[in-house]
Amino acid sequence: DVVFVHQSGIHIINFKRMTGWIYGREQDPEWAEVQ
């Protein structure tokens, strides 16, 4: 979604426009939003 090339390094940004409760762990194949 965004590649922010900053003097501190390259930052890959995945942007999520959500309004609910967010659940997820780094190793999970899927995350969840509860509305």
PDB file of all heavy atoms in Angstrom:
ATOM      1  N   ASP A   1       0.831  -1.212   0.000  1.00  0.00           N
ATOM      2  CA  ASP A   1       0.000   0.000   0.000  1.00  0.00           C
ATOM      3  C   ASP A   1       0.858   1.251   0.000  1.00  0.00           C
ATOM      4  O   ASP A   1       0.600   2.200  -0.741  1.00  0.00           O
ATOM      5  CB  ASP A   1      -0.926   0.010   1.220  1.00  0.00           C
ATOM      6  CG  ASP A   1      -1.976  -1.079   1.163  1.00  0.00           C
ATOM      7  OD1 ASP A   1      -2.412  -1.413   0.047  1.00  0.00           O
ATOM      8  OD2 ASP A   1      -2.358  -1.598   2.221  1.00  0.00           O
ATOM      9  N   VAL A   2       1.880   1.249   0.844  1.00  0.00           N
ATOM     10  CA  VAL A   2       2.798   2.389   0.926  1.00  0.00           C
ATOM     11  C   VAL A   2       4.217   1.870   1.129  1.00  0.00           C
ATOM     12  O   VAL A   2       4.448   0.962   1.933  1.00  0.00           O
ATOM     13  CB  VAL A   2       2.449   3.324   2.112  1.00  0.00           C
ATOM     14  CG1 VAL A   2       3.412   4.515   2.159  1.00  0.00           C
ATOM     15  CG2 VAL A   2       1.017   3.807   2.032  1.00  0.00           C
ATOM     16  N   VAL A   3       5.156   2.422   0.373  1.00  0.00           N
ATOM     17  CA  VAL A   3       6.572   2.218   0.652  1.00  0.00           C
ATOM     18  C   VAL A   3       7.129   3.573   1.079  1.00  0.00           C
ATOM     19  O   VAL A   3       7.161   4.518   0.292  1.00  0.00           O
ATOM     20  CB  VAL A   3       7.337   1.674  -0.568  1.00  0.00           C
ATOM     21  CG1 VAL A   3       8.825   1.507  -0.221  1.00  0.00           C
ATOM     22  CG2 VAL A   3       6.757   0.343  -1.021  1.00  0.00           C
ATOM     23  N   PHE A   4       7.506   3.665   2.331  1.00  0.00           N
ATOM     24  CA  PHE A   4       8.014   4.910   2.910  1.00  0.00           C
ATOM     25  C   PHE A   4       9.518   4.767   3.031  1.00  0.00           C
ATOM     26  O   PHE A   4      10.030   4.066   3.900  1.00  0.00           O
ATOM     27  CB  PHE A   4       7.369   5.152   4.278  1.00  0.00           C
ATOM     28  CG  PHE A   4       7.662   6.496   4.876  1.00  0.00           C
ATOM     29  CD1 PHE A   4       7.211   7.658   4.281  1.00  0.00           C
ATOM     30  CD2 PHE A   4       8.383   6.585   6.057  1.00  0.00           C
ATOM     31  CE1 PHE A   4       7.475   8.901   4.855  1.00  0.00           C
ATOM     32  CE2 PHE A   4       8.644   7.818   6.638  1.00  0.00           C
ATOM     33  CZ  PHE A   4       8.193   8.976   6.037  1.00  0.00           C
ATOM     34  N   VAL A   5      10.237   5.421   2.109  1.00  0.00           N
ATOM     35  CA  VAL A   5      11.698   5.325   2.076  1.00  0.00           C
ATOM     36  C   VAL A   5      12.253   6.472   2.914  1.00  0.00           C
ATOM     37  O   VAL A   5      12.311   7.620   2.472  1.00  0.00           O
ATOM     38  CB  VAL A   5      12.228   5.384   0.634  1.00  0.00           C
ATOM     39  CG1 VAL A   5      13.719   5.049   0.606  1.00  0.00           C
ATOM     40  CG2 VAL A   5      11.458   4.432  -0.272  1.00  0.00           C
ATOM     41  N   HIS A   6      12.654   6.155   4.117  1.00  0.00           N
ATOM     42  CA  HIS A   6      13.089   7.147   5.100  1.00  0.00           C
ATOM     43  C   HIS A   6      14.580   6.967   5.373  1.00  0.00           C
ATOM     44  O   HIS A   6      15.147   5.911   5.086  1.00  0.00           O
ATOM     45  CB  HIS A   6      12.273   6.957   6.388  1.00  0.00           C
ATOM     46  CG  HIS A   6      12.503   7.984   7.443  1.00  0.00           C
ATOM     47  ND1 HIS A   6      13.250   7.723   8.573  1.00  0.00           N
ATOM     48  CD2 HIS A   6      12.106   9.274   7.540  1.00  0.00           C
ATOM     49  CE1 HIS A   6      13.282   8.807   9.338  1.00  0.00           C
ATOM     50  NE2 HIS A   6      12.605   9.761   8.728  1.00  0.00           N
ATOM     51  N   GLN A   7      15.207   7.996   5.919  1.00  0.00           N
ATOM     52  CA  GLN A   7      16.632   7.903   6.222  1.00  0.00           C
ATOM     53  C   GLN A   7      16.943   6.786   7.228  1.00  0.00           C
ATOM     54  O   GLN A   7      18.074   6.291   7.299  1.00  0.00           O
ATOM     55  CB  GLN A   7      17.153   9.232   6.757  1.00  0.00           C
ATOM     56  CG  GLN A   7      16.531   9.675   8.059  1.00  0.00           C
ATOM     57  CD  GLN A   7      16.995  11.065   8.469  1.00  0.00           C
ATOM     58  OE1 GLN A   7      17.222  11.931   7.627  1.00  0.00           O
ATOM     59  NE2 GLN A   7      17.150  11.276   9.770  1.00  0.00           N
ATOM     60  N   SER A   8      15.932   6.340   7.975  1.00  0.00           N
ATOM     61  CA  SER A   8      16.127   5.242   8.929  1.00  0.00           C
ATOM     62  C   SER A   8      15.995   3.870   8.285  1.00  0.00           C
ATOM     63  O   SER A   8      16.287   2.853   8.915  1.00  0.00           O
ATOM     64  CB  SER A   8      15.116   5.362  10.080  1.00  0.00           C
ATOM     65  OG  SER A   8      13.787   5.253   9.584  1.00  0.00           O
ATOM     66  N   GLY A   9      15.529   3.816   7.027  1.00  0.00           N
ATOM     67  CA  GLY A   9      15.364   2.544   6.335  1.00  0.00           C
ATOM     68  C   GLY A   9      14.125   2.547   5.454  1.00  0.00           C
ATOM     69  O   GLY A   9      13.475   3.578   5.258  1.00  0.00           O
ATOM     70  N   ILE A  10      13.793   1.372   4.928  1.00  0.00           N
ATOM     71  CA  ILE A  10      12.624   1.221   4.069  1.00  0.00           C
ATOM     72  C   ILE A  10      11.487   0.644   4.907  1.00  0.00           C
ATOM     73  O   ILE A  10      11.648  -0.373   5.580  1.00  0.00           O
ATOM     74  CB  ILE A  10      12.927   0.294   2.882  1.00  0.00           C
ATOM     75  CG1 ILE A  10      14.101   0.840   2.070  1.00  0.00           C
ATOM     76  CG2 ILE A  10      11.702   0.125   1.997  1.00  0.00           C
ATOM     77  CD1 ILE A  10      14.597  -0.108   0.998  1.00  0.00           C
ATOM     78  N   HIS A  11      10.330   1.303   4.845  1.00  0.00           N
ATOM     79  CA  HIS A  11       9.189   0.897   5.658  1.00  0.00           C
ATOM     80  C   HIS A  11       8.042   0.475   4.735  1.00  0.00           C
ATOM     81  O   HIS A  11       7.526   1.294   3.964  1.00  0.00           O
ATOM     82  CB  HIS A  11       8.754   2.038   6.567  1.00  0.00           C
ATOM     83  CG  HIS A  11       9.853   2.542   7.454  1.00  0.00           C
ATOM     84  ND1 HIS A  11       9.993   2.141   8.767  1.00  0.00           N
ATOM     85  CD2 HIS A  11      10.883   3.385   7.204  1.00  0.00           C
ATOM     86  CE1 HIS A  11      11.053   2.733   9.293  1.00  0.00           C
ATOM     87  NE2 HIS A  11      11.608   3.492   8.367  1.00  0.00           N
ATOM     88  N   ILE A  12       7.675  -0.798   4.812  1.00  0.00           N
ATOM     89  CA  ILE A  12       6.564  -1.329   4.025  1.00  0.00           C
ATOM     90  C   ILE A  12       5.300  -1.206   4.879  1.00  0.00           C
ATOM     91  O   ILE A  12       5.213  -1.790   5.967  1.00  0.00           O
ATOM     92  CB  ILE A  12       6.795  -2.804   3.653  1.00  0.00           C
ATOM     93  CG1 ILE A  12       8.156  -2.975   2.973  1.00  0.00           C
ATOM     94  CG2 ILE A  12       5.664  -3.306   2.753  1.00  0.00           C
ATOM     95  CD1 ILE A  12       8.330  -2.165   1.709  1.00  0.00           C
ATOM     96  N   ILE A  13       4.318  -0.449   4.387  1.00  0.00           N
ATOM     97  CA  ILE A  13       3.111  -0.176   5.168  1.00  0.00           C
ATOM     98  C   ILE A  13       1.900  -0.830   4.518  1.00  0.00           C
ATOM     99  O   ILE A  13       1.581  -0.569   3.362  1.00  0.00           O
ATOM    100  CB  ILE A  13       2.868   1.339   5.305  1.00  0.00           C
ATOM    101  CG1 ILE A  13       4.053   2.008   6.022  1.00  0.00           C
ATOM    102  CG2 ILE A  13       1.567   1.613   6.054  1.00  0.00           C
ATOM    103  CD1 ILE A  13       3.939   3.517   6.112  1.00  0.00           C
ATOM    104  N   ASN A  14       1.250  -1.691   5.278  1.00  0.00           N
ATOM    105  CA  ASN A  14      -0.008  -2.314   4.879  1.00  0.00           C
ATOM    106  C   ASN A  14      -1.112  -1.567   5.615  1.00  0.00           C
ATOM    107  O   ASN A  14      -1.183  -1.608   6.845  1.00  0.00           O
ATOM    108  CB  ASN A  14       0.011  -3.802   5.260  1.00  0.00           C
ATOM    109  CG  ASN A  14      -1.085  -4.599   4.584  1.00  0.00           C
ATOM    110  OD1 ASN A  14      -2.208  -4.119   4.456  1.00  0.00           O
ATOM    111  ND2 ASN A  14      -0.772  -5.820   4.171  1.00  0.00           N
ATOM    112  N   PHE A  15      -1.958  -0.864   4.878  1.00  0.00           N
ATOM    113  CA  PHE A  15      -2.960   0.013   5.492  1.00  0.00           C
ATOM    114  C   PHE A  15      -4.327  -0.652   5.535  1.00  0.00           C
ATOM    115  O   PHE A  15      -4.803  -1.177   4.535  1.00  0.00           O
ATOM    116  CB  PHE A  15      -3.050   1.326   4.714  1.00  0.00           C
ATOM    117  CG  PHE A  15      -4.067   2.287   5.264  1.00  0.00           C
ATOM    118  CD1 PHE A  15      -4.057   2.653   6.595  1.00  0.00           C
ATOM    119  CD2 PHE A  15      -5.053   2.816   4.439  1.00  0.00           C
ATOM    120  CE1 PHE A  15      -5.007   3.534   7.103  1.00  0.00           C
ATOM    121  CE2 PHE A  15      -6.004   3.706   4.931  1.00  0.00           C
ATOM    122  CZ  PHE A  15      -5.981   4.059   6.270  1.00  0.00           C
ATOM    123  N   LYS A  16      -4.956  -0.618   6.719  1.00  0.00           N
ATOM    124  CA  LYS A  16      -6.274  -1.218   6.902  1.00  0.00           C
ATOM    125  C   LYS A  16      -7.250  -0.158   7.414  1.00  0.00           C
ATOM    126  O   LYS A  16      -7.055   0.391   8.497  1.00  0.00           O
ATOM    127  CB  LYS A  16      -6.217  -2.381   7.903  1.00  0.00           C
ATOM    128  CG  LYS A  16      -5.323  -3.539   7.468  1.00  0.00           C
ATOM    129  CD  LYS A  16      -5.851  -4.190   6.196  1.00  0.00           C
ATOM    130  CE  LYS A  16      -4.970  -5.354   5.761  1.00  0.00           C
ATOM    131  NZ  LYS A  16      -5.415  -5.926   4.473  1.00  0.00           N
ATOM    132  N   ARG A  17      -8.290   0.110   6.639  1.00  0.00           N
ATOM    133  CA  ARG A  17      -9.321   1.065   7.061  1.00  0.00           C
ATOM    134  C   ARG A  17     -10.454   0.272   7.706  1.00  0.00           C
ATOM    135  O   ARG A  17     -11.356  -0.219   7.048  1.00  0.00           O
ATOM    136  CB  ARG A  17      -9.826   1.874   5.862  1.00  0.00           C
ATOM    137  CG  ARG A  17     -10.803   2.987   6.240  1.00  0.00           C
ATOM    138  CD  ARG A  17     -11.141   3.834   5.029  1.00  0.00           C
ATOM    139  NE  ARG A  17     -11.889   3.104   4.021  1.00  0.00           N
ATOM    140  CZ  ARG A  17     -13.215   2.965   4.007  1.00  0.00           C
ATOM    141  NH1 ARG A  17     -13.942   3.498   4.975  1.00  0.00           N
ATOM    142  NH2 ARG A  17     -13.805   2.298   3.045  1.00  0.00           N
ATOM    143  N   MET A  18     -10.363   0.147   9.033  1.00  0.00           N
ATOM    144  CA  MET A  18     -11.333  -0.650   9.773  1.00  0.00           C
ATOM    145  C   MET A  18     -11.791   0.103  11.014  1.00  0.00           C
ATOM    146  O   MET A  18     -11.081   0.985  11.529  1.00  0.00           O
ATOM    147  CB  MET A  18     -10.734  -2.011  10.162  1.00  0.00           C
ATOM    148  CG  MET A  18     -10.410  -2.884   8.961  1.00  0.00           C
ATOM    149  SD  MET A  18      -9.753  -4.499   9.418  1.00  0.00           S
ATOM    150  CE  MET A  18      -9.625  -5.268   7.797  1.00  0.00           C
ATOM    151  N   THR A  19     -12.970  -0.272  11.524  1.00  0.00           N
ATOM    152  CA  THR A  19     -13.554   0.468  12.638  1.00  0.00           C
ATOM    153  C   THR A  19     -13.865  -0.406  13.850  1.00  0.00           C
ATOM    154  O   THR A  19     -14.282   0.109  14.885  1.00  0.00           O
ATOM    155  CB  THR A  19     -14.862   1.161  12.196  1.00  0.00           C
ATOM    156  OG1 THR A  19     -15.775   0.169  11.705  1.00  0.00           O
ATOM    157  CG2 THR A  19     -14.591   2.183  11.094  1.00  0.00           C
ATOM    158  N   GLY A  20     -13.689  -1.715  13.735  1.00  0.00           N
ATOM    159  CA  GLY A  20     -14.084  -2.618  14.813  1.00  0.00           C
ATOM    160  C   GLY A  20     -12.960  -2.969  15.761  1.00  0.00           C
ATOM    161  O   GLY A  20     -11.942  -2.280  15.851  1.00  0.00           O
ATOM    162  N   TRP A  21     -13.133  -4.077  16.472  1.00  0.00           N
ATOM    163  CA  TRP A  21     -12.120  -4.616  17.366  1.00  0.00           C
ATOM    164  C   TRP A  21     -11.212  -5.537  16.543  1.00  0.00           C
ATOM    165  O   TRP A  21     -11.693  -6.411  15.818  1.00  0.00           O
ATOM    166  CB  TRP A  21     -12.754  -5.401  18.498  1.00  0.00           C
ATOM    167  CG  TRP A  21     -13.564  -4.566  19.448  1.00  0.00           C
ATOM    168  CD1 TRP A  21     -13.652  -3.204  19.476  1.00  0.00           C
ATOM    169  CD2 TRP A  21     -14.415  -5.042  20.493  1.00  0.00           C
ATOM    170  NE1 TRP A  21     -14.498  -2.792  20.483  1.00  0.00           N
ATOM    171  CE2 TRP A  21     -14.983  -3.904  21.137  1.00  0.00           C
ATOM    172  CE3 TRP A  21     -14.761  -6.307  20.966  1.00  0.00           C
ATOM    173  CZ2 TRP A  21     -15.861  -4.008  22.202  1.00  0.00           C
ATOM    174  CZ3 TRP A  21     -15.636  -6.406  22.043  1.00  0.00           C
ATOM    175  CH2 TRP A  21     -16.173  -5.274  22.647  1.00  0.00           C
ATOM    176  N   ILE A  22      -9.911  -5.367  16.688  1.00  0.00           N
ATOM    177  CA  ILE A  22      -8.947  -6.125  15.880  1.00  0.00           C
ATOM    178  C   ILE A  22      -8.282  -7.208  16.723  1.00  0.00           C
ATOM    179  O   ILE A  22      -7.790  -6.941  17.827  1.00  0.00           O
ATOM    180  CB  ILE A  22      -7.873  -5.189  15.290  1.00  0.00           C
ATOM    181  CG1 ILE A  22      -8.524  -4.012  14.542  1.00  0.00           C
ATOM    182  CG2 ILE A  22      -6.946  -5.977  14.361  1.00  0.00           C
ATOM    183  CD1 ILE A  22      -9.432  -4.412  13.403  1.00  0.00           C
ATOM    184  N   TYR A  23      -8.286  -8.431  16.169  1.00  0.00           N
ATOM    185  CA  TYR A  23      -7.634  -9.568  16.808  1.00  0.00           C
ATOM    186  C   TYR A  23      -6.658 -10.196  15.811  1.00  0.00           C
ATOM    187  O   TYR A  23      -7.007 -10.402  14.649  1.00  0.00           O
ATOM    188  CB  TYR A  23      -8.655 -10.628  17.215  1.00  0.00           C
ATOM    189  CG  TYR A  23      -9.637 -10.198  18.275  1.00  0.00           C
ATOM    190  CD1 TYR A  23     -10.790  -9.481  17.927  1.00  0.00           C
ATOM    191  CD2 TYR A  23      -9.433 -10.512  19.615  1.00  0.00           C
ATOM    192  CE1 TYR A  23     -11.705  -9.087  18.902  1.00  0.00           C
ATOM    193  CE2 TYR A  23     -10.347 -10.133  20.593  1.00  0.00           C
ATOM    194  CZ  TYR A  23     -11.475  -9.419  20.230  1.00  0.00           C
ATOM    195  OH  TYR A  23     -12.372  -9.024  21.184  1.00  0.00           O
ATOM    196  N   GLY A  24      -5.446 -10.529  16.265  1.00  0.00           N
ATOM    197  CA  GLY A  24      -4.516 -11.202  15.373  1.00  0.00           C
ATOM    198  C   GLY A  24      -3.154 -11.418  16.012  1.00  0.00           C
ATOM    199  O   GLY A  24      -2.702 -10.592  16.801  1.00  0.00           O
ATOM    200  N   ARG A  25      -2.523 -12.522  15.650  1.00  0.00           N
ATOM    201  CA  ARG A  25      -1.159 -12.812  16.082  1.00  0.00           C
ATOM    202  C   ARG A  25      -0.270 -12.899  14.839  1.00  0.00           C
ATOM    203  O   ARG A  25      -0.743 -13.215  13.744  1.00  0.00           O
ATOM    204  CB  ARG A  25      -1.097 -14.122  16.863  1.00  0.00           C
ATOM    205  CG  ARG A  25      -1.911 -14.103  18.160  1.00  0.00           C
ATOM    206  CD  ARG A  25      -1.777 -15.436  18.879  1.00  0.00           C
ATOM    207  NE  ARG A  25      -2.234 -16.541  18.041  1.00  0.00           N
ATOM    208  CZ  ARG A  25      -2.084 -17.832  18.364  1.00  0.00           C
ATOM    209  NH1 ARG A  25      -1.480 -18.160  19.495  1.00  0.00           N
ATOM    210  NH2 ARG A  25      -2.531 -18.773  17.562  1.00  0.00           N
ATOM    211  N   GLU A  26       0.987 -12.637  15.036  1.00  0.00           N
ATOM    212  CA  GLU A  26       1.917 -12.580  13.899  1.00  0.00           C
ATOM    213  C   GLU A  26       1.919 -13.872  13.097  1.00  0.00           C
ATOM    214  O   GLU A  26       2.058 -13.847  11.865  1.00  0.00           O
ATOM    215  CB  GLU A  26       3.321 -12.270  14.419  1.00  0.00           C
ATOM    216  CG  GLU A  26       4.344 -12.042  13.335  1.00  0.00           C
ATOM    217  CD  GLU A  26       5.681 -11.622  13.885  1.00  0.00           C
ATOM    218  OE1 GLU A  26       5.776 -11.337  15.099  1.00  0.00           O
ATOM    219  OE2 GLU A  26       6.651 -11.586  13.094  1.00  0.00           O
ATOM    220  N   GLN A  27       1.773 -15.013  13.762  1.00  0.00           N
ATOM    221  CA  GLN A  27       1.853 -16.307  13.078  1.00  0.00           C
ATOM    222  C   GLN A  27       0.528 -16.795  12.508  1.00  0.00           C
ATOM    223  O   GLN A  27       0.482 -17.785  11.774  1.00  0.00           O
ATOM    224  CB  GLN A  27       2.415 -17.370  14.038  1.00  0.00           C
ATOM    225  CG  GLN A  27       1.492 -17.702  15.214  1.00  0.00           C
ATOM    226  CD  GLN A  27       1.712 -16.818  16.422  1.00  0.00           C
ATOM    227  OE1 GLN A  27       2.178 -15.690  16.292  1.00  0.00           O
ATOM    228  NE2 GLN A  27       1.402 -17.358  17.606  1.00  0.00           N
ATOM    229  N   ASP A  28      -0.580 -16.134  12.817  1.00  0.00           N
ATOM    230  CA  ASP A  28      -1.892 -16.583  12.332  1.00  0.00           C
ATOM    231  C   ASP A  28      -2.052 -16.311  10.833  1.00  0.00           C
ATOM    232  O   ASP A  28      -1.682 -15.241  10.351  1.00  0.00           O
ATOM    233  CB  ASP A  28      -3.017 -15.856  13.073  1.00  0.00           C
ATOM    234  CG  ASP A  28      -3.091 -16.239  14.542  1.00  0.00           C
ATOM    235  OD1 ASP A  28      -2.606 -17.334  14.888  1.00  0.00           O
ATOM    236  OD2 ASP A  28      -3.635 -15.440  15.338  1.00  0.00           O
ATOM    237  N   PRO A  29      -2.627 -17.250  10.075  1.00  0.00           N
ATOM    238  CA  PRO A  29      -2.859 -17.002   8.647  1.00  0.00           C
ATOM    239  C   PRO A  29      -3.921 -15.930   8.395  1.00  0.00           C
ATOM    240  O   PRO A  29      -3.895 -15.251   7.380  1.00  0.00           O
ATOM    241  CB  PRO A  29      -3.325 -18.359   8.108  1.00  0.00           C
ATOM    242  CG  PRO A  29      -3.840 -19.089   9.312  1.00  0.00           C
ATOM    243  CD  PRO A  29      -3.016 -18.616  10.475  1.00  0.00           C
ATOM    244  N   GLU A  30      -4.863 -15.794   9.351  1.00  0.00           N
ATOM    245  CA  GLU A  30      -5.918 -14.786   9.215  1.00  0.00           C
ATOM    246  C   GLU A  30      -6.056 -13.980  10.497  1.00  0.00           C
ATOM    247  O   GLU A  30      -5.802 -14.481  11.598  1.00  0.00           O
ATOM    248  CB  GLU A  30      -7.269 -15.444   8.893  1.00  0.00           C
ATOM    249  CG  GLU A  30      -7.354 -16.061   7.520  1.00  0.00           C
ATOM    250  CD  GLU A  30      -8.742 -16.620   7.242  1.00  0.00           C
ATOM    251  OE1 GLU A  30      -9.369 -17.147   8.190  1.00  0.00           O
ATOM    252  OE2 GLU A  30      -9.187 -16.539   6.086  1.00  0.00           O
ATOM    253  N   TRP A  31      -6.452 -12.719  10.346  1.00  0.00           N
ATOM    254  CA  TRP A  31      -6.810 -11.875  11.472  1.00  0.00           C
ATOM    255  C   TRP A  31      -8.315 -11.626  11.409  1.00  0.00           C
ATOM    256  O   TRP A  31      -8.974 -12.030  10.451  1.00  0.00           O
ATOM    257  CB  TRP A  31      -6.037 -10.552  11.417  1.00  0.00           C
ATOM    258  CG  TRP A  31      -4.591 -10.694  11.805  1.00  0.00           C
ATOM    259  CD1 TRP A  31      -3.883 -11.850  11.914  1.00  0.00           C
ATOM    260  CD2 TRP A  31      -3.689  -9.637  12.134  1.00  0.00           C
ATOM    261  NE1 TRP A  31      -2.592 -11.593  12.283  1.00  0.00           N
ATOM    262  CE2 TRP A  31      -2.444 -10.243  12.427  1.00  0.00           C
ATOM    263  CE3 TRP A  31      -3.802  -8.255  12.192  1.00  0.00           C
ATOM    264  CZ2 TRP A  31      -1.328  -9.492  12.780  1.00  0.00           C
ATOM    265  CZ3 TRP A  31      -2.691  -7.510  12.561  1.00  0.00           C
ATOM    266  CH2 TRP A  31      -1.479  -8.118  12.850  1.00  0.00           C
ATOM    267  N   ALA A  32      -8.836 -10.972  12.433  1.00  0.00           N
ATOM    268  CA  ALA A  32     -10.279 -10.765  12.470  1.00  0.00           C
ATOM    269  C   ALA A  32     -10.628  -9.377  12.987  1.00  0.00           C
ATOM    270  O   ALA A  32      -9.943  -8.818  13.848  1.00  0.00           O
ATOM    271  CB  ALA A  32     -10.951 -11.826  13.345  1.00  0.00           C
ATOM    272  N   GLU A  33     -11.705  -8.845  12.430  1.00  0.00           N
ATOM    273  CA  GLU A  33     -12.303  -7.598  12.909  1.00  0.00           C
ATOM    274  C   GLU A  33     -13.708  -7.930  13.397  1.00  0.00           C
ATOM    275  O   GLU A  33     -14.501  -8.530  12.663  1.00  0.00           O
ATOM    276  CB  GLU A  33     -12.371  -6.562  11.785  1.00  0.00           C
ATOM    277  CG  GLU A  33     -13.095  -5.283  12.195  1.00  0.00           C
ATOM    278  CD  GLU A  33     -13.498  -4.431  10.995  1.00  0.00           C
ATOM    279  OE1 GLU A  33     -13.628  -4.995   9.882  1.00  0.00           O
ATOM    280  OE2 GLU A  33     -13.703  -3.223  11.178  1.00  0.00           O
ATOM    281  N   VAL A  34     -14.001  -7.567  14.641  1.00  0.00           N
ATOM    282  CA  VAL A  34     -15.336  -7.766  15.193  1.00  0.00           C
ATOM    283  C   VAL A  34     -16.027  -6.416  15.259  1.00  0.00           C
ATOM    284  O   VAL A  34     -15.543  -5.486  15.911  1.00  0.00           O
ATOM    285  CB  VAL A  34     -15.283  -8.412  16.592  1.00  0.00           C
ATOM    286  CG1 VAL A  34     -16.699  -8.578  17.148  1.00  0.00           C
ATOM    287  CG2 VAL A  34     -14.572  -9.756  16.537  1.00  0.00           C
ATOM    288  N   GLN A  35     -17.158  -6.315  14.589  1.00  0.00           N
ATOM    289  CA  GLN A  35     -17.904  -5.065  14.550  1.00  0.00           C
ATOM    290  C   GLN A  35     -19.130  -5.137  15.454  1.00  0.00           C
ATOM    291  O   GLN A  35     -19.314  -6.079  16.210  1.00  0.00           O
ATOM    292  CB  GLN A  35     -18.295  -4.748  13.099  1.00  0.00           C
ATOM    293  CG  GLN A  35     -17.096  -4.472  12.200  1.00  0.00           C
ATOM    294  CD  GLN A  35     -17.514  -4.157  10.783  1.00  0.00           C
ATOM    295  OE1 GLN A  35     -18.437  -4.737  10.244  1.00  0.00           O
ATOM    296  NE2 GLN A  35     -16.827  -3.202  10.175  1.00  0.00           N
TER     297      GLN A  35
END
